């Protein structure tokens, strides 16, 4: 029997820090900038990406936010980053401090093992 290979989704933890330009805007201006300058660029350049946004500034001085991306594959993730780099998001509104990219339960998948998790249903 040959082993079947599936491509797991790519998960990226984008650790970012707000810039003075971003903080100088009102909350409404920030949301408008995101809706008109960032989201359209993402939608025009890639498909198969989803995101969640976490505020961390009250716990960390180095990173103010964590943007968690899940992409269907590595190409979708690459296109996402390329799109973001062409917007004011990248280095104007936010400084990208670090990118942590991986696949969920990659080790277990590689060895055909059941993933160990703490999530119960």
PDB file of N, CA and C in Angstrom:
ATOM      1  N   UNK A   1       0.851  -1.163   0.000  1.00  0.00           N
ATOM      2  CA  UNK A   1       0.000   0.000   0.000  1.00  0.00           C
ATOM      3  C   UNK A   1       0.904   1.234   0.000  1.00  0.00           C
ATOM      4  N   UNK A   2       0.580   2.194  -0.843  1.00  0.00           N
ATOM      5  CA  UNK A   2       1.355   3.430  -0.882  1.00  0.00           C
ATOM      6  C   UNK A   2       0.691   4.460   0.013  1.00  0.00           C
ATOM      7  N   UNK A   3       1.537   5.274   0.584  1.00  0.00           N
ATOM      8  CA  UNK A   3       1.029   6.315   1.484  1.00  0.00           C
ATOM      9  C   UNK A   3       0.407   7.433   0.674  1.00  0.00           C
ATOM     10  N   UNK A   4      -0.778   7.846   1.053  1.00  0.00           N
ATOM     11  CA  UNK A   4      -1.428   8.984   0.406  1.00  0.00           C
ATOM     12  C   UNK A   4      -0.899  10.279   1.002  1.00  0.00           C
ATOM     13  N   UNK A   5      -0.633  11.251   0.172  1.00  0.00           N
ATOM     14  CA  UNK A   5      -0.140  12.540   0.635  1.00  0.00           C
ATOM     15  C   UNK A   5      -1.222  13.582   0.417  1.00  0.00           C
ATOM     16  N   UNK A   6      -1.493  14.322   1.430  1.00  0.00           N
ATOM     17  CA  UNK A   6      -2.397  15.453   1.289  1.00  0.00           C
ATOM     18  C   UNK A   6      -1.620  16.702   1.681  1.00  0.00           C
ATOM     19  N   UNK A   7      -1.971  17.785   1.099  1.00  0.00           N
ATOM     20  CA  UNK A   7      -1.311  19.035   1.414  1.00  0.00           C
ATOM     21  C   UNK A   7      -2.082  19.705   2.548  1.00  0.00           C
ATOM     22  N   UNK A   8      -1.456  19.820   3.722  1.00  0.00           N
ATOM     23  CA  UNK A   8      -2.175  20.463   4.826  1.00  0.00           C
ATOM     24  C   UNK A   8      -2.207  21.970   4.632  1.00  0.00           C
ATOM     25  N   UNK A   9      -3.187  22.613   5.208  1.00  0.00           N
ATOM     26  CA  UNK A   9      -3.212  24.077   5.141  1.00  0.00           C
ATOM     27  C   UNK A   9      -1.969  24.659   5.811  1.00  0.00           C
ATOM     28  N   UNK A  10      -1.571  25.815   5.357  1.00  0.00           N
ATOM     29  CA  UNK A  10      -0.441  26.533   5.926  1.00  0.00           C
ATOM     30  C   UNK A  10      -1.000  27.524   6.946  1.00  0.00           C
ATOM     31  N   UNK A  11      -0.446  27.529   8.147  1.00  0.00           N
ATOM     32  CA  UNK A  11      -0.856  28.491   9.164  1.00  0.00           C
ATOM     33  C   UNK A  11       0.315  29.424   9.429  1.00  0.00           C
ATOM     34  N   UNK A  12       0.037  30.714   9.417  1.00  0.00           N
ATOM     35  CA  UNK A  12       1.081  31.706   9.666  1.00  0.00           C
ATOM     36  C   UNK A  12       0.653  32.610  10.808  1.00  0.00           C
ATOM     37  N   UNK A  13       1.537  32.747  11.761  1.00  0.00           N
ATOM     38  CA  UNK A  13       1.339  33.681  12.858  1.00  0.00           C
ATOM     39  C   UNK A  13       2.192  34.893  12.525  1.00  0.00           C
ATOM     40  N   UNK A  14       1.530  35.975  12.146  1.00  0.00           N
ATOM     41  CA  UNK A  14       2.208  37.197  11.741  1.00  0.00           C
ATOM     42  C   UNK A  14       2.240  38.121  12.959  1.00  0.00           C
ATOM     43  N   UNK A  15       3.416  38.264  13.555  1.00  0.00           N
ATOM     44  CA  UNK A  15       3.586  39.105  14.728  1.00  0.00           C
ATOM     45  C   UNK A  15       3.897  40.516  14.251  1.00  0.00           C
ATOM     46  N   UNK A  16       3.036  41.462  14.619  1.00  0.00           N
ATOM     47  CA  UNK A  16       3.162  42.817  14.097  1.00  0.00           C
ATOM     48  C   UNK A  16       3.129  43.840  15.222  1.00  0.00           C
ATOM     49  N   UNK A  17       3.640  45.022  14.909  1.00  0.00           N
ATOM     50  CA  UNK A  17       3.649  46.136  15.860  1.00  0.00           C
ATOM     51  C   UNK A  17       3.126  47.370  15.145  1.00  0.00           C
ATOM     52  N   UNK A  18       2.195  48.056  15.784  1.00  0.00           N
ATOM     53  CA  UNK A  18       1.620  49.257  15.184  1.00  0.00           C
ATOM     54  C   UNK A  18       2.672  50.344  15.054  1.00  0.00           C
ATOM     55  N   UNK A  19       2.470  51.209  14.062  1.00  0.00           N
ATOM     56  CA  UNK A  19       3.364  52.352  13.862  1.00  0.00           C
ATOM     57  C   UNK A  19       2.673  53.629  14.336  1.00  0.00           C
ATOM     58  N   UNK A  20       3.432  54.691  14.548  1.00  0.00           N
ATOM     59  CA  UNK A  20       2.810  55.964  14.936  1.00  0.00           C
ATOM     60  C   UNK A  20       1.780  56.448  13.916  1.00  0.00           C
ATOM     61  N   UNK A  21       2.008  56.201  12.628  1.00  0.00           N
ATOM     62  CA  UNK A  21       1.034  56.625  11.615  1.00  0.00           C
ATOM     63  C   UNK A  21      -0.314  55.947  11.831  1.00  0.00           C
ATOM     64  N   UNK A  22      -0.301  54.660  12.115  1.00  0.00           N
ATOM     65  CA  UNK A  22      -1.540  53.904  12.362  1.00  0.00           C
ATOM     66  C   UNK A  22      -2.230  54.434  13.617  1.00  0.00           C
ATOM     67  N   UNK A  23      -1.468  54.639  14.666  1.00  0.00           N
ATOM     68  CA  UNK A  23      -2.040  55.089  15.934  1.00  0.00           C
ATOM     69  C   UNK A  23      -2.550  56.513  15.873  1.00  0.00           C
ATOM     70  N   UNK A  24      -2.052  57.322  14.939  1.00  0.00           N
ATOM     71  CA  UNK A  24      -2.516  58.710  14.804  1.00  0.00           C
ATOM     72  C   UNK A  24      -3.917  58.785  14.200  1.00  0.00           C
ATOM     73  N   UNK A  25      -4.349  57.711  13.548  1.00  0.00           N
ATOM     74  CA  UNK A  25      -5.697  57.687  12.961  1.00  0.00           C
ATOM     75  C   UNK A  25      -6.729  57.351  14.024  1.00  0.00           C
ATOM     76  N   UNK A  26      -7.949  57.809  13.795  1.00  0.00           N
ATOM     77  CA  UNK A  26      -9.052  57.419  14.675  1.00  0.00           C
ATOM     78  C   UNK A  26      -9.404  55.963  14.368  1.00  0.00           C
ATOM     79  N   UNK A  27     -10.111  55.299  15.271  1.00  0.00           N
ATOM     80  CA  UNK A  27     -10.524  53.924  14.980  1.00  0.00           C
ATOM     81  C   UNK A  27     -11.313  53.806  13.665  1.00  0.00           C
ATOM     82  N   UNK A  28     -12.191  54.754  13.386  1.00  0.00           N
ATOM     83  CA  UNK A  28     -12.948  54.721  12.123  1.00  0.00           C
ATOM     84  C   UNK A  28     -12.018  54.849  10.919  1.00  0.00           C
ATOM     85  N   UNK A  29     -11.040  55.743  11.017  1.00  0.00           N
ATOM     86  CA  UNK A  29     -10.084  55.915   9.921  1.00  0.00           C
ATOM     87  C   UNK A  29      -9.256  54.650   9.717  1.00  0.00           C
ATOM     88  N   UNK A  30      -8.906  53.978  10.798  1.00  0.00           N
ATOM     89  CA  UNK A  30      -8.146  52.725  10.695  1.00  0.00           C
ATOM     90  C   UNK A  30      -8.954  51.659   9.961  1.00  0.00           C
ATOM     91  N   UNK A  31     -10.201  51.508  10.349  1.00  0.00           N
ATOM     92  CA  UNK A  31     -11.032  50.491   9.705  1.00  0.00           C
ATOM     93  C   UNK A  31     -11.269  50.829   8.236  1.00  0.00           C
ATOM     94  N   UNK A  32     -11.462  52.108   7.935  1.00  0.00           N
ATOM     95  CA  UNK A  32     -11.645  52.529   6.542  1.00  0.00           C
ATOM     96  C   UNK A  32     -10.382  52.272   5.734  1.00  0.00           C
ATOM     97  N   UNK A  33      -9.224  52.575   6.299  1.00  0.00           N
ATOM     98  CA  UNK A  33      -7.958  52.333   5.602  1.00  0.00           C
ATOM     99  C   UNK A  33      -7.792  50.840   5.323  1.00  0.00           C
ATOM    100  N   UNK A  34      -8.124  50.029   6.300  1.00  0.00           N
ATOM    101  CA  UNK A  34      -7.997  48.585   6.118  1.00  0.00           C
ATOM    102  C   UNK A  34      -8.953  48.087   5.039  1.00  0.00           C
ATOM    103  N   UNK A  35     -10.191  48.574   5.097  1.00  0.00           N
ATOM    104  CA  UNK A  35     -11.213  48.125   4.146  1.00  0.00           C
ATOM    105  C   UNK A  35     -10.942  48.583   2.722  1.00  0.00           C
ATOM    106  N   UNK A  36     -10.313  49.746   2.561  1.00  0.00           N
ATOM    107  CA  UNK A  36     -10.111  50.281   1.208  1.00  0.00           C
ATOM    108  C   UNK A  36      -8.707  50.065   0.657  1.00  0.00           C
ATOM    109  N   UNK A  37      -7.700  49.918   1.527  1.00  0.00           N
ATOM    110  CA  UNK A  37      -6.328  49.817   1.053  1.00  0.00           C
ATOM    111  C   UNK A  37      -5.716  48.435   1.186  1.00  0.00           C
ATOM    112  N   UNK A  38      -6.180  47.647   2.139  1.00  0.00           N
ATOM    113  CA  UNK A  38      -5.554  46.346   2.392  1.00  0.00           C
ATOM    114  C   UNK A  38      -6.412  45.197   1.864  1.00  0.00           C
ATOM    115  N   UNK A  39      -7.650  45.126   2.291  1.00  0.00           N
ATOM    116  CA  UNK A  39      -8.522  44.008   1.905  1.00  0.00           C
ATOM    117  C   UNK A  39      -8.670  43.874   0.386  1.00  0.00           C
ATOM    118  N   UNK A  40      -8.908  44.938  -0.365  1.00  0.00           N
ATOM    119  CA  UNK A  40      -9.030  44.775  -1.821  1.00  0.00           C
ATOM    120  C   UNK A  40      -7.764  44.199  -2.471  1.00  0.00           C
ATOM    121  N   UNK A  41      -6.606  44.566  -1.964  1.00  0.00           N
ATOM    122  CA  UNK A  41      -5.352  44.030  -2.515  1.00  0.00           C
ATOM    123  C   UNK A  41      -5.243  42.533  -2.265  1.00  0.00           C
ATOM    124  N   UNK A  42      -5.640  42.104  -1.074  1.00  0.00           N
ATOM    125  CA  UNK A  42      -5.619  40.670  -0.760  1.00  0.00           C
ATOM    126  C   UNK A  42      -6.592  39.926  -1.661  1.00  0.00           C
ATOM    127  N   UNK A  43      -7.806  40.430  -1.764  1.00  0.00           N
ATOM    128  CA  UNK A  43      -8.829  39.755  -2.569  1.00  0.00           C
ATOM    129  C   UNK A  43      -8.461  39.714  -4.047  1.00  0.00           C
ATOM    130  N   UNK A  44      -7.733  40.715  -4.536  1.00  0.00           N
ATOM    131  CA  UNK A  44      -7.341  40.750  -5.951  1.00  0.00           C
ATOM    132  C   UNK A  44      -6.191  39.802  -6.265  1.00  0.00           C
ATOM    133  N   UNK A  45      -5.380  39.468  -5.269  1.00  0.00           N
ATOM    134  CA  UNK A  45      -4.159  38.701  -5.535  1.00  0.00           C
ATOM    135  C   UNK A  45      -4.235  37.227  -5.181  1.00  0.00           C
ATOM    136  N   UNK A  46      -5.143  36.833  -4.285  1.00  0.00           N
ATOM    137  CA  UNK A  46      -5.139  35.439  -3.854  1.00  0.00           C
ATOM    138  C   UNK A  46      -6.532  34.979  -3.431  1.00  0.00           C
ATOM    139  N   UNK A  47      -6.679  33.681  -3.364  1.00  0.00           N
ATOM    140  CA  UNK A  47      -7.891  33.054  -2.825  1.00  0.00           C
ATOM    141  C   UNK A  47      -7.440  31.965  -1.862  1.00  0.00           C
ATOM    142  N   UNK A  48      -8.372  31.457  -1.093  1.00  0.00           N
ATOM    143  CA  UNK A  48      -8.050  30.361  -0.190  1.00  0.00           C
ATOM    144  C   UNK A  48      -7.291  30.787   1.051  1.00  0.00           C
ATOM    145  N   UNK A  49      -7.497  32.018   1.513  1.00  0.00           N
ATOM    146  CA  UNK A  49      -6.875  32.476   2.754  1.00  0.00           C
ATOM    147  C   UNK A  49      -7.953  32.982   3.709  1.00  0.00           C
ATOM    148  N   UNK A  50      -7.720  32.741   4.973  1.00  0.00           N
ATOM    149  CA  UNK A  50      -8.631  33.189   6.021  1.00  0.00           C
ATOM    150  C   UNK A  50      -7.773  33.781   7.137  1.00  0.00           C
ATOM    151  N   UNK A  51      -8.346  34.694   7.928  1.00  0.00           N
ATOM    152  CA  UNK A  51      -7.538  35.295   8.988  1.00  0.00           C
ATOM    153  C   UNK A  51      -8.346  35.557  10.248  1.00  0.00           C
ATOM    154  N   UNK A  52      -7.591  35.680  11.337  1.00  0.00           N
ATOM    155  CA  UNK A  52      -8.118  36.098  12.630  1.00  0.00           C
ATOM    156  C   UNK A  52      -7.105  37.086  13.197  1.00  0.00           C
ATOM    157  N   UNK A  53      -7.571  38.034  13.955  1.00  0.00           N
ATOM    158  CA  UNK A  53      -6.724  39.122  14.447  1.00  0.00           C
ATOM    159  C   UNK A  53      -6.804  39.167  15.969  1.00  0.00           C
ATOM    160  N   UNK A  54      -5.645  39.197  16.625  1.00  0.00           N
ATOM    161  CA  UNK A  54      -5.585  39.214  18.084  1.00  0.00           C
ATOM    162  C   UNK A  54      -4.832  40.446  18.568  1.00  0.00           C
ATOM    163  N   UNK A  55      -5.428  41.187  19.496  1.00  0.00           N
ATOM    164  CA  UNK A  55      -4.756  42.312  20.138  1.00  0.00           C
ATOM    165  C   UNK A  55      -3.891  41.762  21.268  1.00  0.00           C
ATOM    166  N   UNK A  56      -2.635  42.183  21.308  1.00  0.00           N
ATOM    167  CA  UNK A  56      -1.733  41.718  22.361  1.00  0.00           C
ATOM    168  C   UNK A  56      -0.998  42.847  23.063  1.00  0.00           C
ATOM    169  N   UNK A  57      -1.286  44.101  22.700  1.00  0.00           N
ATOM    170  CA  UNK A  57      -0.495  45.210  23.234  1.00  0.00           C
ATOM    171  C   UNK A  57      -0.587  45.356  24.739  1.00  0.00           C
ATOM    172  N   UNK A  58      -1.613  44.821  25.351  1.00  0.00           N
ATOM    173  CA  UNK A  58      -1.713  44.920  26.806  1.00  0.00           C
ATOM    174  C   UNK A  58      -0.916  43.831  27.511  1.00  0.00           C
ATOM    175  N   UNK A  59      -0.275  42.931  26.735  1.00  0.00           N
ATOM    176  CA  UNK A  59       0.565  41.886  27.308  1.00  0.00           C
ATOM    177  C   UNK A  59       2.003  41.917  26.799  1.00  0.00           C
ATOM    178  N   UNK A  60       2.247  42.627  25.717  1.00  0.00           N
ATOM    179  CA  UNK A  60       3.567  42.608  25.099  1.00  0.00           C
ATOM    180  C   UNK A  60       3.940  43.997  24.606  1.00  0.00           C
ATOM    181  N   UNK A  61       5.168  44.395  24.843  1.00  0.00           N
ATOM    182  CA  UNK A  61       5.654  45.673  24.321  1.00  0.00           C
ATOM    183  C   UNK A  61       6.293  45.490  22.948  1.00  0.00           C
ATOM    184  N   UNK A  62       6.742  44.285  22.642  1.00  0.00           N
ATOM    185  CA  UNK A  62       7.433  44.030  21.379  1.00  0.00           C
ATOM    186  C   UNK A  62       6.452  43.838  20.232  1.00  0.00           C
ATOM    187  N   UNK A  63       5.336  43.178  20.497  1.00  0.00           N
ATOM    188  CA  UNK A  63       4.338  42.859  19.478  1.00  0.00           C
ATOM    189  C   UNK A  63       2.994  43.375  19.969  1.00  0.00           C
ATOM    190  N   UNK A  64       2.309  44.184  19.140  1.00  0.00           N
ATOM    191  CA  UNK A  64       1.020  44.720  19.569  1.00  0.00           C
ATOM    192  C   UNK A  64      -0.161  43.893  19.090  1.00  0.00           C
ATOM    193  N   UNK A  65       0.069  43.099  18.035  1.00  0.00           N
ATOM    194  CA  UNK A  65      -1.017  42.307  17.453  1.00  0.00           C
ATOM    195  C   UNK A  65      -0.446  41.031  16.846  1.00  0.00           C
ATOM    196  N   UNK A  66      -1.295  40.017  16.781  1.00  0.00           N
ATOM    197  CA  UNK A  66      -0.951  38.785  16.071  1.00  0.00           C
ATOM    198  C   UNK A  66      -2.062  38.539  15.068  1.00  0.00           C
ATOM    199  N   UNK A  67      -1.656  38.447  13.813  1.00  0.00           N
ATOM    200  CA  UNK A  67      -2.604  38.168  12.742  1.00  0.00           C
ATOM    201  C   UNK A  67      -2.372  36.726  12.328  1.00  0.00           C
ATOM    202  N   UNK A  68      -3.361  35.867  12.543  1.00  0.00           N
ATOM    203  CA  UNK A  68      -3.234  34.451  12.229  1.00  0.00           C
ATOM    204  C   UNK A  68      -3.885  34.203  10.870  1.00  0.00           C
ATOM    205  N   UNK A  69      -3.070  33.693   9.952  1.00  0.00           N
ATOM    206  CA  UNK A  69      -3.541  33.392   8.607  1.00  0.00           C
ATOM    207  C   UNK A  69      -3.559  31.897   8.392  1.00  0.00           C
ATOM    208  N   UNK A  70      -4.577  31.404   7.729  1.00  0.00           N
ATOM    209  CA  UNK A  70      -4.593  30.028   7.258  1.00  0.00           C
ATOM    210  C   UNK A  70      -4.782  30.095   5.755  1.00  0.00           C
ATOM    211  N   UNK A  71      -3.895  29.440   5.047  1.00  0.00           N
ATOM    212  CA  UNK A  71      -3.956  29.422   3.583  1.00  0.00           C
ATOM    213  C   UNK A  71      -4.094  27.976   3.129  1.00  0.00           C
ATOM    214  N   UNK A  72      -4.813  27.783   2.041  1.00  0.00           N
ATOM    215  CA  UNK A  72      -5.028  26.432   1.529  1.00  0.00           C
ATOM    216  C   UNK A  72      -3.725  25.737   1.152  1.00  0.00           C
ATOM    217  N   UNK A  73      -2.732  26.519   0.743  1.00  0.00           N
ATOM    218  CA  UNK A  73      -1.447  25.937   0.348  1.00  0.00           C
ATOM    219  C   UNK A  73      -0.368  27.016   0.389  1.00  0.00           C
ATOM    220  N   UNK A  74       0.865  26.610   0.108  1.00  0.00           N
ATOM    221  CA  UNK A  74       1.988  27.544   0.187  1.00  0.00           C
ATOM    222  C   UNK A  74       1.886  28.658  -0.855  1.00  0.00           C
ATOM    223  N   UNK A  75       1.365  28.344  -2.023  1.00  0.00           N
ATOM    224  CA  UNK A  75       1.236  29.375  -3.059  1.00  0.00           C
ATOM    225  C   UNK A  75       0.261  30.463  -2.619  1.00  0.00           C
ATOM    226  N   UNK A  76      -0.880  30.069  -2.041  1.00  0.00           N
ATOM    227  CA  UNK A  76      -1.851  31.064  -1.567  1.00  0.00           C
ATOM    228  C   UNK A  76      -1.229  31.944  -0.493  1.00  0.00           C
ATOM    229  N   UNK A  77      -0.431  31.348   0.389  1.00  0.00           N
ATOM    230  CA  UNK A  77       0.239  32.134   1.432  1.00  0.00           C
ATOM    231  C   UNK A  77       1.255  33.100   0.820  1.00  0.00           C
ATOM    232  N   UNK A  78       2.031  32.624  -0.126  1.00  0.00           N
ATOM    233  CA  UNK A  78       3.018  33.487  -0.779  1.00  0.00           C
ATOM    234  C   UNK A  78       2.342  34.665  -1.476  1.00  0.00           C
ATOM    235  N   UNK A  79       1.251  34.399  -2.177  1.00  0.00           N
ATOM    236  CA  UNK A  79       0.522  35.467  -2.855  1.00  0.00           C
ATOM    237  C   UNK A  79      -0.057  36.464  -1.853  1.00  0.00           C
ATOM    238  N   UNK A  80      -0.501  35.965  -0.706  1.00  0.00           N
ATOM    239  CA  UNK A  80      -0.999  36.833   0.354  1.00  0.00           C
ATOM    240  C   UNK A  80       0.089  37.800   0.817  1.00  0.00           C
ATOM    241  N   UNK A  81       1.263  37.275   1.124  1.00  0.00           N
ATOM    242  CA  UNK A  81       2.354  38.127   1.609  1.00  0.00           C
ATOM    243  C   UNK A  81       2.762  39.121   0.530  1.00  0.00           C
ATOM    244  N   UNK A  82       2.841  38.665  -0.703  1.00  0.00           N
ATOM    245  CA  UNK A  82       3.147  39.585  -1.801  1.00  0.00           C
ATOM    246  C   UNK A  82       2.120  40.709  -1.876  1.00  0.00           C
ATOM    247  N   UNK A  83       0.842  40.367  -1.719  1.00  0.00           N
ATOM    248  CA  UNK A  83      -0.222  41.381  -1.760  1.00  0.00           C
ATOM    249  C   UNK A  83      -0.078  42.368  -0.601  1.00  0.00           C
ATOM    250  N   UNK A  84       0.154  41.856   0.599  1.00  0.00           N
ATOM    251  CA  UNK A  84       0.297  42.736   1.758  1.00  0.00           C
ATOM    252  C   UNK A  84       1.479  43.686   1.612  1.00  0.00           C
ATOM    253  N   UNK A  85       2.547  43.213   1.025  1.00  0.00           N
ATOM    254  CA  UNK A  85       3.743  44.052   0.865  1.00  0.00           C
ATOM    255  C   UNK A  85       3.511  45.215  -0.096  1.00  0.00           C
ATOM    256  N   UNK A  86       2.474  45.124  -0.910  1.00  0.00           N
ATOM    257  CA  UNK A  86       2.138  46.193  -1.857  1.00  0.00           C
ATOM    258  C   UNK A  86       1.133  47.189  -1.290  1.00  0.00           C
ATOM    259  N   UNK A  87       0.828  47.054  -0.008  1.00  0.00           N
ATOM    260  CA  UNK A  87      -0.137  47.954   0.636  1.00  0.00           C
ATOM    261  C   UNK A  87       0.552  48.724   1.762  1.00  0.00           C
ATOM    262  N   UNK A  88      -0.107  49.759   2.267  1.00  0.00           N
ATOM    263  CA  UNK A  88       0.450  50.497   3.404  1.00  0.00           C
ATOM    264  C   UNK A  88       0.531  49.658   4.686  1.00  0.00           C
ATOM    265  N   UNK A  89      -0.145  48.514   4.707  1.00  0.00           N
ATOM    266  CA  UNK A  89      -0.076  47.641   5.884  1.00  0.00           C
ATOM    267  C   UNK A  89       1.370  47.343   6.235  1.00  0.00           C
ATOM    268  N   UNK A  90       2.144  46.993   5.222  1.00  0.00           N
ATOM    269  CA  UNK A  90       3.514  46.489   5.408  1.00  0.00           C
ATOM    270  C   UNK A  90       4.478  47.657   5.585  1.00  0.00           C
ATOM    271  N   UNK A  91       5.007  47.822   6.765  1.00  0.00           N
ATOM    272  CA  UNK A  91       6.030  48.804   7.112  1.00  0.00           C
ATOM    273  C   UNK A  91       5.561  50.254   7.168  1.00  0.00           C
ATOM    274  N   UNK A  92       4.308  50.510   6.868  1.00  0.00           N
ATOM    275  CA  UNK A  92       3.802  51.871   7.030  1.00  0.00           C
ATOM    276  C   UNK A  92       2.832  51.923   8.212  1.00  0.00           C
ATOM    277  N   UNK A  93       1.812  51.062   8.187  1.00  0.00           N
ATOM    278  CA  UNK A  93       0.873  50.997   9.295  1.00  0.00           C
ATOM    279  C   UNK A  93       1.346  50.042  10.387  1.00  0.00           C
ATOM    280  N   UNK A  94       2.046  48.990   9.974  1.00  0.00           N
ATOM    281  CA  UNK A  94       2.547  47.985  10.907  1.00  0.00           C
ATOM    282  C   UNK A  94       3.968  47.600  10.548  1.00  0.00           C
ATOM    283  N   UNK A  95       4.726  47.262  11.560  1.00  0.00           N
ATOM    284  CA  UNK A  95       6.037  46.663  11.353  1.00  0.00           C
ATOM    285  C   UNK A  95       5.842  45.155  11.542  1.00  0.00           C
ATOM    286  N   UNK A  96       6.259  44.385  10.570  1.00  0.00           N
ATOM    287  CA  UNK A  96       6.184  42.937  10.697  1.00  0.00           C
ATOM    288  C   UNK A  96       7.400  42.501  11.514  1.00  0.00           C
ATOM    289  N   UNK A  97       7.156  42.076  12.748  1.00  0.00           N
ATOM    290  CA  UNK A  97       8.230  41.720  13.670  1.00  0.00           C
ATOM    291  C   UNK A  97       8.744  40.316  13.379  1.00  0.00           C
ATOM    292  N   UNK A  98       7.827  39.389  13.106  1.00  0.00           N
ATOM    293  CA  UNK A  98       8.229  38.009  12.846  1.00  0.00           C
ATOM    294  C   UNK A  98       7.095  37.277  12.154  1.00  0.00           C
ATOM    295  N   UNK A  99       7.454  36.247  11.410  1.00  0.00           N
ATOM    296  CA  UNK A  99       6.500  35.352  10.778  1.00  0.00           C
ATOM    297  C   UNK A  99       6.805  33.937  11.254  1.00  0.00           C
ATOM    298  N   UNK A 100       5.830  33.298  11.855  1.00  0.00           N
ATOM    299  CA  UNK A 100       5.966  31.911  12.290  1.00  0.00           C
ATOM    300  C   UNK A 100       4.997  31.096  11.446  1.00  0.00           C
ATOM    301  N   UNK A 101       5.526  30.273  10.560  1.00  0.00           N
ATOM    302  CA  UNK A 101       4.699  29.564   9.591  1.00  0.00           C
ATOM    303  C   UNK A 101       4.864  28.062   9.799  1.00  0.00           C
ATOM    304  N   UNK A 102       3.758  27.347   9.793  1.00  0.00           N
ATOM    305  CA  UNK A 102       3.811  25.903   9.954  1.00  0.00           C
ATOM    306  C   UNK A 102       2.528  25.248   9.509  1.00  0.00           C
ATOM    307  N   UNK A 103       2.470  23.945   9.748  1.00  0.00           N
ATOM    308  CA  UNK A 103       1.266  23.189   9.471  1.00  0.00           C
ATOM    309  C   UNK A 103       0.830  22.506  10.760  1.00  0.00           C
ATOM    310  N   UNK A 104      -0.445  22.509  11.005  1.00  0.00           N
ATOM    311  CA  UNK A 104      -0.970  21.927  12.227  1.00  0.00           C
ATOM    312  C   UNK A 104      -0.694  20.430  12.264  1.00  0.00           C
ATOM    313  N   UNK A 105      -0.147  19.979  13.372  1.00  0.00           N
ATOM    314  CA  UNK A 105       0.143  18.561  13.596  1.00  0.00           C
ATOM    315  C   UNK A 105       1.021  17.951  12.499  1.00  0.00           C
ATOM    316  N   UNK A 106       1.956  18.734  11.978  1.00  0.00           N
ATOM    317  CA  UNK A 106       2.839  18.253  10.920  1.00  0.00           C
ATOM    318  C   UNK A 106       3.609  17.016  11.305  1.00  0.00           C
ATOM    319  N   UNK A 107       4.098  16.960  12.528  1.00  0.00           N
ATOM    320  CA  UNK A 107       4.885  15.807  12.983  1.00  0.00           C
ATOM    321  C   UNK A 107       4.030  14.539  12.959  1.00  0.00           C
ATOM    322  N   UNK A 108       2.841  14.629  13.511  1.00  0.00           N
ATOM    323  CA  UNK A 108       1.954  13.458  13.525  1.00  0.00           C
ATOM    324  C   UNK A 108       1.598  13.030  12.112  1.00  0.00           C
ATOM    325  N   UNK A 109       1.325  13.990  11.245  1.00  0.00           N
ATOM    326  CA  UNK A 109       0.975  13.692   9.861  1.00  0.00           C
ATOM    327  C   UNK A 109       2.137  12.988   9.156  1.00  0.00           C
ATOM    328  N   UNK A 110       3.356  13.480   9.371  1.00  0.00           N
ATOM    329  CA  UNK A 110       4.531  12.893   8.725  1.00  0.00           C
ATOM    330  C   UNK A 110       4.689  11.422   9.085  1.00  0.00           C
ATOM    331  N   UNK A 111       4.437  11.078  10.338  1.00  0.00           N
ATOM    332  CA  UNK A 111       4.653   9.716  10.805  1.00  0.00           C
ATOM    333  C   UNK A 111       3.383   8.880  10.893  1.00  0.00           C
ATOM    334  N   UNK A 112       2.291   9.411  10.371  1.00  0.00           N
ATOM    335  CA  UNK A 112       1.049   8.654  10.357  1.00  0.00           C
ATOM    336  C   UNK A 112       0.500   8.380  11.750  1.00  0.00           C
ATOM    337  N   UNK A 113       0.730   9.305  12.666  1.00  0.00           N
ATOM    338  CA  UNK A 113       0.292   9.147  14.054  1.00  0.00           C
ATOM    339  C   UNK A 113      -0.942   9.992  14.314  1.00  0.00           C
ATOM    340  N   UNK A 114      -1.657   9.615  15.330  1.00  0.00           N
ATOM    341  CA  UNK A 114      -2.801  10.391  15.788  1.00  0.00           C
ATOM    342  C   UNK A 114      -2.274  11.641  16.486  1.00  0.00           C
ATOM    343  N   UNK A 115      -2.824  12.779  16.151  1.00  0.00           N
ATOM    344  CA  UNK A 115      -2.398  14.027  16.776  1.00  0.00           C
ATOM    345  C   UNK A 115      -2.805  14.074  18.240  1.00  0.00           C
ATOM    346  N   UNK A 116      -1.947  14.585  19.067  1.00  0.00           N
ATOM    347  CA  UNK A 116      -2.252  14.763  20.487  1.00  0.00           C
ATOM    348  C   UNK A 116      -2.700  16.210  20.666  1.00  0.00           C
ATOM    349  N   UNK A 117      -3.919  16.377  21.137  1.00  0.00           N
ATOM    350  CA  UNK A 117      -4.448  17.721  21.356  1.00  0.00           C
ATOM    351  C   UNK A 117      -5.173  17.767  22.697  1.00  0.00           C
ATOM    352  N   UNK A 118      -5.484  18.952  23.128  1.00  0.00           N
ATOM    353  CA  UNK A 118      -6.223  19.117  24.370  1.00  0.00           C
ATOM    354  C   UNK A 118      -7.652  19.563  24.113  1.00  0.00           C
ATOM    355  N   UNK A 119      -8.039  19.602  22.844  1.00  0.00           N
ATOM    356  CA  UNK A 119      -9.384  20.024  22.479  1.00  0.00           C
ATOM    357  C   UNK A 119     -10.311  18.821  22.539  1.00  0.00           C
ATOM    358  N   UNK A 120     -11.426  18.968  23.214  1.00  0.00           N
ATOM    359  CA  UNK A 120     -12.412  17.888  23.282  1.00  0.00           C
ATOM    360  C   UNK A 120     -13.704  18.366  22.651  1.00  0.00           C
ATOM    361  N   UNK A 121     -14.437  17.438  22.120  1.00  0.00           N
ATOM    362  CA  UNK A 121     -15.724  17.789  21.516  1.00  0.00           C
ATOM    363  C   UNK A 121     -16.860  17.165  22.267  1.00  0.00           C
TER     364      UNK A 121
END
